C-alpha atoms as a PDB file:
ATOM      1  CA  MET A   1      41.774  35.762  84.003  1.00  0.00           C
ATOM      2  CA  ALA A   2      38.285  34.994  85.300  1.00  0.00           C
ATOM      3  CA  THR A   3      35.302  34.726  83.001  1.00  0.00           C
ATOM      4  CA  ALA A   4      32.083  36.574  83.700  1.00  0.00           C
ATOM      5  CA  PRO A   5      29.984  33.408  84.383  1.00  0.00           C
ATOM      6  CA  GLN A   6      32.649  32.168  86.809  1.00  0.00           C
ATOM      7  CA  GLN A   7      32.716  35.421  88.722  1.00  0.00           C
ATOM      8  CA  SER A   8      28.968  35.719  88.801  1.00  0.00           C
ATOM      9  CA  THR A   9      28.390  32.084  89.834  1.00  0.00           C
ATOM     10  CA  VAL A  10      30.816  32.206  92.757  1.00  0.00           C
ATOM     11  CA  ALA A  11      29.670  35.715  93.707  1.00  0.00           C
ATOM     12  CA  ARG A  12      26.006  34.658  93.526  1.00  0.00           C
ATOM     13  CA  TRP A  13      26.737  31.606  95.688  1.00  0.00           C
ATOM     14  CA  HIS A  14      28.501  33.725  98.304  1.00  0.00           C
ATOM     15  CA  ALA A  15      25.612  36.215  98.277  1.00  0.00           C
ATOM     16  CA  LEU A  16      23.095  33.383  98.820  1.00  0.00           C
ATOM     17  CA  VAL A  17      25.084  32.001 101.736  1.00  0.00           C
ATOM     18  CA  GLU A  18      25.768  35.381 103.342  1.00  0.00           C
ATOM     19  CA  GLY A  19      22.136  36.439 102.948  1.00  0.00           C
ATOM     20  CA  ARG A  20      20.798  32.991 103.890  1.00  0.00           C
ATOM     21  CA  ASN A  21      18.687  33.347 100.778  1.00  0.00           C
ATOM     22  CA  LEU A  22      16.954  30.004 100.309  1.00  0.00           C
ATOM     23  CA  ALA A  23      14.630  31.400  97.647  1.00  0.00           C
ATOM     24  CA  GLY A  24      17.648  32.316  95.525  1.00  0.00           C
ATOM     25  CA  LEU A  25      18.726  28.687  95.212  1.00  0.00           C
ATOM     26  CA  ASP A  26      16.205  28.159  92.424  1.00  0.00           C
ATOM     27  CA  ASP A  27      17.971  30.770  90.270  1.00  0.00           C
ATOM     28  CA  VAL A  28      21.492  29.403  90.710  1.00  0.00           C
ATOM     29  CA  ILE A  29      20.904  25.615  90.513  1.00  0.00           C
ATOM     30  CA  ALA A  30      20.649  24.005  87.056  1.00  0.00           C
ATOM     31  CA  ASP A  31      17.714  21.760  86.156  1.00  0.00           C
ATOM     32  CA  GLY A  32      19.835  18.593  85.926  1.00  0.00           C
ATOM     33  CA  ALA A  33      21.997  19.338  88.965  1.00  0.00           C
ATOM     34  CA  VAL A  34      23.585  16.523  90.955  1.00  0.00           C
ATOM     35  CA  PHE A  35      24.282  16.738  94.689  1.00  0.00           C
ATOM     36  CA  HIS A  36      26.967  14.560  96.316  1.00  0.00           C
ATOM     37  CA  SER A  37      26.523  14.275 100.081  1.00  0.00           C
ATOM     38  CA  PRO A  38      29.393  13.376 102.401  1.00  0.00           C
ATOM     39  CA  VAL A  39      27.197  10.706 104.006  1.00  0.00           C
ATOM     40  CA  VAL A  40      24.872   9.443 101.240  1.00  0.00           C
ATOM     41  CA  HIS A  41      26.637   6.938  99.001  1.00  0.00           C
ATOM     42  CA  THR A  42      24.667   7.673  95.822  1.00  0.00           C
ATOM     43  CA  PRO A  43      24.533  10.984  93.945  1.00  0.00           C
ATOM     44  CA  GLN A  44      21.240  12.809  94.401  1.00  0.00           C
ATOM     45  CA  GLU A  45      20.092  13.766  90.905  1.00  0.00           C
ATOM     46  CA  GLY A  46      17.867  16.665  89.958  1.00  0.00           C
ATOM     47  CA  LYS A  47      17.326  20.303  90.774  1.00  0.00           C
ATOM     48  CA  ALA A  48      14.632  19.698  93.397  1.00  0.00           C
ATOM     49  CA  ILE A  49      16.647  17.189  95.447  1.00  0.00           C
ATOM     50  CA  THR A  50      19.779  19.363  95.194  1.00  0.00           C
ATOM     51  CA  ILE A  51      17.851  22.356  96.529  1.00  0.00           C
ATOM     52  CA  PHE A  52      16.310  20.120  99.220  1.00  0.00           C
ATOM     53  CA  TYR A  53      19.753  19.065 100.510  1.00  0.00           C
ATOM     54  CA  LEU A  54      21.205  22.579 100.264  1.00  0.00           C
ATOM     55  CA  THR A  55      18.197  23.972 102.153  1.00  0.00           C
ATOM     56  CA  ALA A  56      18.788  21.511 104.974  1.00  0.00           C
ATOM     57  CA  ALA A  57      22.496  22.386 104.999  1.00  0.00           C
ATOM     58  CA  PHE A  58      21.675  26.104 105.217  1.00  0.00           C
ATOM     59  CA  HIS A  59      19.536  25.397 108.309  1.00  0.00           C
ATOM     60  CA  VAL A  60      22.080  23.095 109.960  1.00  0.00           C
ATOM     61  CA  LEU A  61      25.289  25.030 109.272  1.00  0.00           C
ATOM     62  CA  LEU A  62      24.756  28.708 108.632  1.00  0.00           C
ATOM     63  CA  ASP A  63      23.959  29.769 112.185  1.00  0.00           C
ATOM     64  CA  GLN A  64      26.891  27.802 113.594  1.00  0.00           C
ATOM     65  CA  GLY A  65      29.742  30.169 112.788  1.00  0.00           C
ATOM     66  CA  PHE A  66      29.854  28.898 109.208  1.00  0.00           C
ATOM     67  CA  ARG A  67      32.319  30.757 107.043  1.00  0.00           C
ATOM     68  CA  TYR A  68      34.395  30.132 103.981  1.00  0.00           C
ATOM     69  CA  VAL A  69      38.108  30.351 104.732  1.00  0.00           C
ATOM     70  CA  ARG A  70      39.697  29.553 101.357  1.00  0.00           C
ATOM     71  CA  GLU A  71      38.694  29.167  97.750  1.00  0.00           C
ATOM     72  CA  VAL A  72      40.241  27.939  94.538  1.00  0.00           C
ATOM     73  CA  VAL A  73      38.349  29.051  91.463  1.00  0.00           C
ATOM     74  CA  GLY A  74      38.765  27.927  87.864  1.00  0.00           C
ATOM     75  CA  PRO A  75      36.891  28.671  84.654  1.00  0.00           C
ATOM     76  CA  ARG A  76      33.910  26.392  85.500  1.00  0.00           C
ATOM     77  CA  ASP A  77      34.748  25.002  88.938  1.00  0.00           C
ATOM     78  CA  ALA A  78      35.366  26.193  92.474  1.00  0.00           C
ATOM     79  CA  VAL A  79      36.477  24.542  95.680  1.00  0.00           C
ATOM     80  CA  LEU A  80      35.353  26.513  98.715  1.00  0.00           C
ATOM     81  CA  GLU A  81      36.738  25.418 102.086  1.00  0.00           C
ATOM     82  CA  PHE A  82      34.494  26.090 105.070  1.00  0.00           C
ATOM     83  CA  VAL A  83      34.532  25.846 108.840  1.00  0.00           C
ATOM     84  CA  ALA A  84      31.797  25.844 111.476  1.00  0.00           C
ATOM     85  CA  GLU A  85      31.421  24.869 115.131  1.00  0.00           C
ATOM     86  CA  ILE A  86      28.427  22.773 116.170  1.00  0.00           C
ATOM     87  CA  ASP A  87      27.937  21.554 119.734  1.00  0.00           C
ATOM     88  CA  GLY A  88      31.643  22.099 120.431  1.00  0.00           C
ATOM     89  CA  ILE A  89      32.703  20.056 117.403  1.00  0.00           C
ATOM     90  CA  HIS A  90      34.864  21.726 114.769  1.00  0.00           C
ATOM     91  CA  VAL A  91      33.515  21.074 111.278  1.00  0.00           C
ATOM     92  CA  ASN A  92      35.891  21.493 108.345  1.00  0.00           C
ATOM     93  CA  GLY A  93      34.876  20.788 104.781  1.00  0.00           C
ATOM     94  CA  VAL A  94      34.853  21.763 101.163  1.00  0.00           C
ATOM     95  CA  ASP A  95      32.124  22.537  98.674  1.00  0.00           C
ATOM     96  CA  MET A  96      33.216  21.433  95.209  1.00  0.00           C
ATOM     97  CA  ILE A  97      31.057  23.290  92.717  1.00  0.00           C
ATOM     98  CA  HIS A  98      30.820  23.008  88.932  1.00  0.00           C
ATOM     99  CA  TRP A  99      28.615  25.202  86.763  1.00  0.00           C
ATOM    100  CA  ASN A 100      27.416  25.027  83.177  1.00  0.00           C
ATOM    101  CA  ALA A 101      27.864  27.518  80.345  1.00  0.00           C
ATOM    102  CA  ASP A 102      24.875  29.493  81.662  1.00  0.00           C
ATOM    103  CA  GLY A 103      26.587  29.937  85.036  1.00  0.00           C
ATOM    104  CA  LYS A 104      24.150  27.616  86.848  1.00  0.00           C
ATOM    105  CA  ILE A 105      25.478  25.072  89.316  1.00  0.00           C
ATOM    106  CA  ASP A 106      25.110  21.591  87.834  1.00  0.00           C
ATOM    107  CA  ASP A 107      27.265  19.599  90.268  1.00  0.00           C
ATOM    108  CA  PHE A 108      27.698  20.206  94.006  1.00  0.00           C
ATOM    109  CA  LYS A 109      29.873  17.912  96.117  1.00  0.00           C
ATOM    110  CA  VAL A 110      30.448  18.282  99.851  1.00  0.00           C
ATOM    111  CA  MET A 111      33.316  16.669 101.756  1.00  0.00           C
ATOM    112  CA  VAL A 112      33.629  16.976 105.542  1.00  0.00           C
ATOM    113  CA  ARG A 113      36.144  16.114 108.269  1.00  0.00           C
ATOM    114  CA  PRO A 114      36.830  14.990 110.992  1.00  0.00           C
ATOM    115  CA  MET A 115      34.811  11.831 111.693  1.00  0.00           C
ATOM    116  CA  LYS A 116      33.066  13.419 114.713  1.00  0.00           C
ATOM    117  CA  ALA A 117      31.835  16.188 112.397  1.00  0.00           C
ATOM    118  CA  ILE A 118      30.631  13.686 109.789  1.00  0.00           C
ATOM    119  CA  ASN A 119      28.689  11.746 112.425  1.00  0.00           C
ATOM    120  CA  LEU A 120      27.182  14.931 113.850  1.00  0.00           C
ATOM    121  CA  LEU A 121      26.173  16.243 110.417  1.00  0.00           C
ATOM    122  CA  PHE A 122      24.739  12.851 109.477  1.00  0.00           C
ATOM    123  CA  ARG A 123      22.419  13.055 112.499  1.00  0.00           C
ATOM    124  CA  LEU A 124      21.523  16.748 112.178  1.00  0.00           C
ATOM    125  CA  MET A 125      21.011  16.646 108.420  1.00  0.00           C
ATOM    126  CA  GLY A 126      18.841  13.542 108.766  1.00  0.00           C
ATOM    127  CA  GLU A 127      16.675  15.291 111.326  1.00  0.00           C
ATOM    128  CA  LYS A 128      16.404  18.482 109.240  1.00  0.00           C
ATOM    129  CA  LEU A 129      15.660  16.580 106.012  1.00  0.00           C
ATOM    130  CA  GLN A 130      12.873  14.693 107.819  1.00  0.00           C
ATOM    131  CA  GLN A 131      11.443  17.976 109.172  1.00  0.00           C
ATOM    132  CA  LEU A 132      11.515  19.559 105.702  1.00  0.00           C
ATOM    133  CA  LYS A 133       9.943  16.476 104.145  1.00  0.00           C
ATOM    134  CA  SER A 134       7.149  16.489 106.757  1.00  0.00           C
ATOM    135  CA  ALA A 135       6.553  20.212 106.167  1.00  0.00           C
ATOM    136  CA  GLN A 136       6.154  19.585 102.431  1.00  0.00           C
ATOM    137  CA  GLY A 137       3.301  17.232 103.202  1.00  0.00           C
END
């Protein structure tokens, strides 16, 4: 049986994605969160950098037919499989999410396939991260 934090964390994540609610990321990401990118070899540590990467991902993926197609949810973890289509390239991946006792996401790992999709996302995410960084000043 699901626990309340589990249900609310996964439900809150889905609501953020469906509503493209970037402002809501601050409420669902824990202070010491760690983000694991499919193309950056070191974990990105901290709430701000995790939100930074997720913001870029929202911009790159969410208007490209992004949708979750399967999920496996446990007491403090979820694996959400997603698909999208960008420039004719099928993107398939998983978001592996862990949350703390307060229901805030403290670890977010993204894995993507096939190689064409990884290369495309590497380029697009790099461009979007640079744009966001420039906009921050």
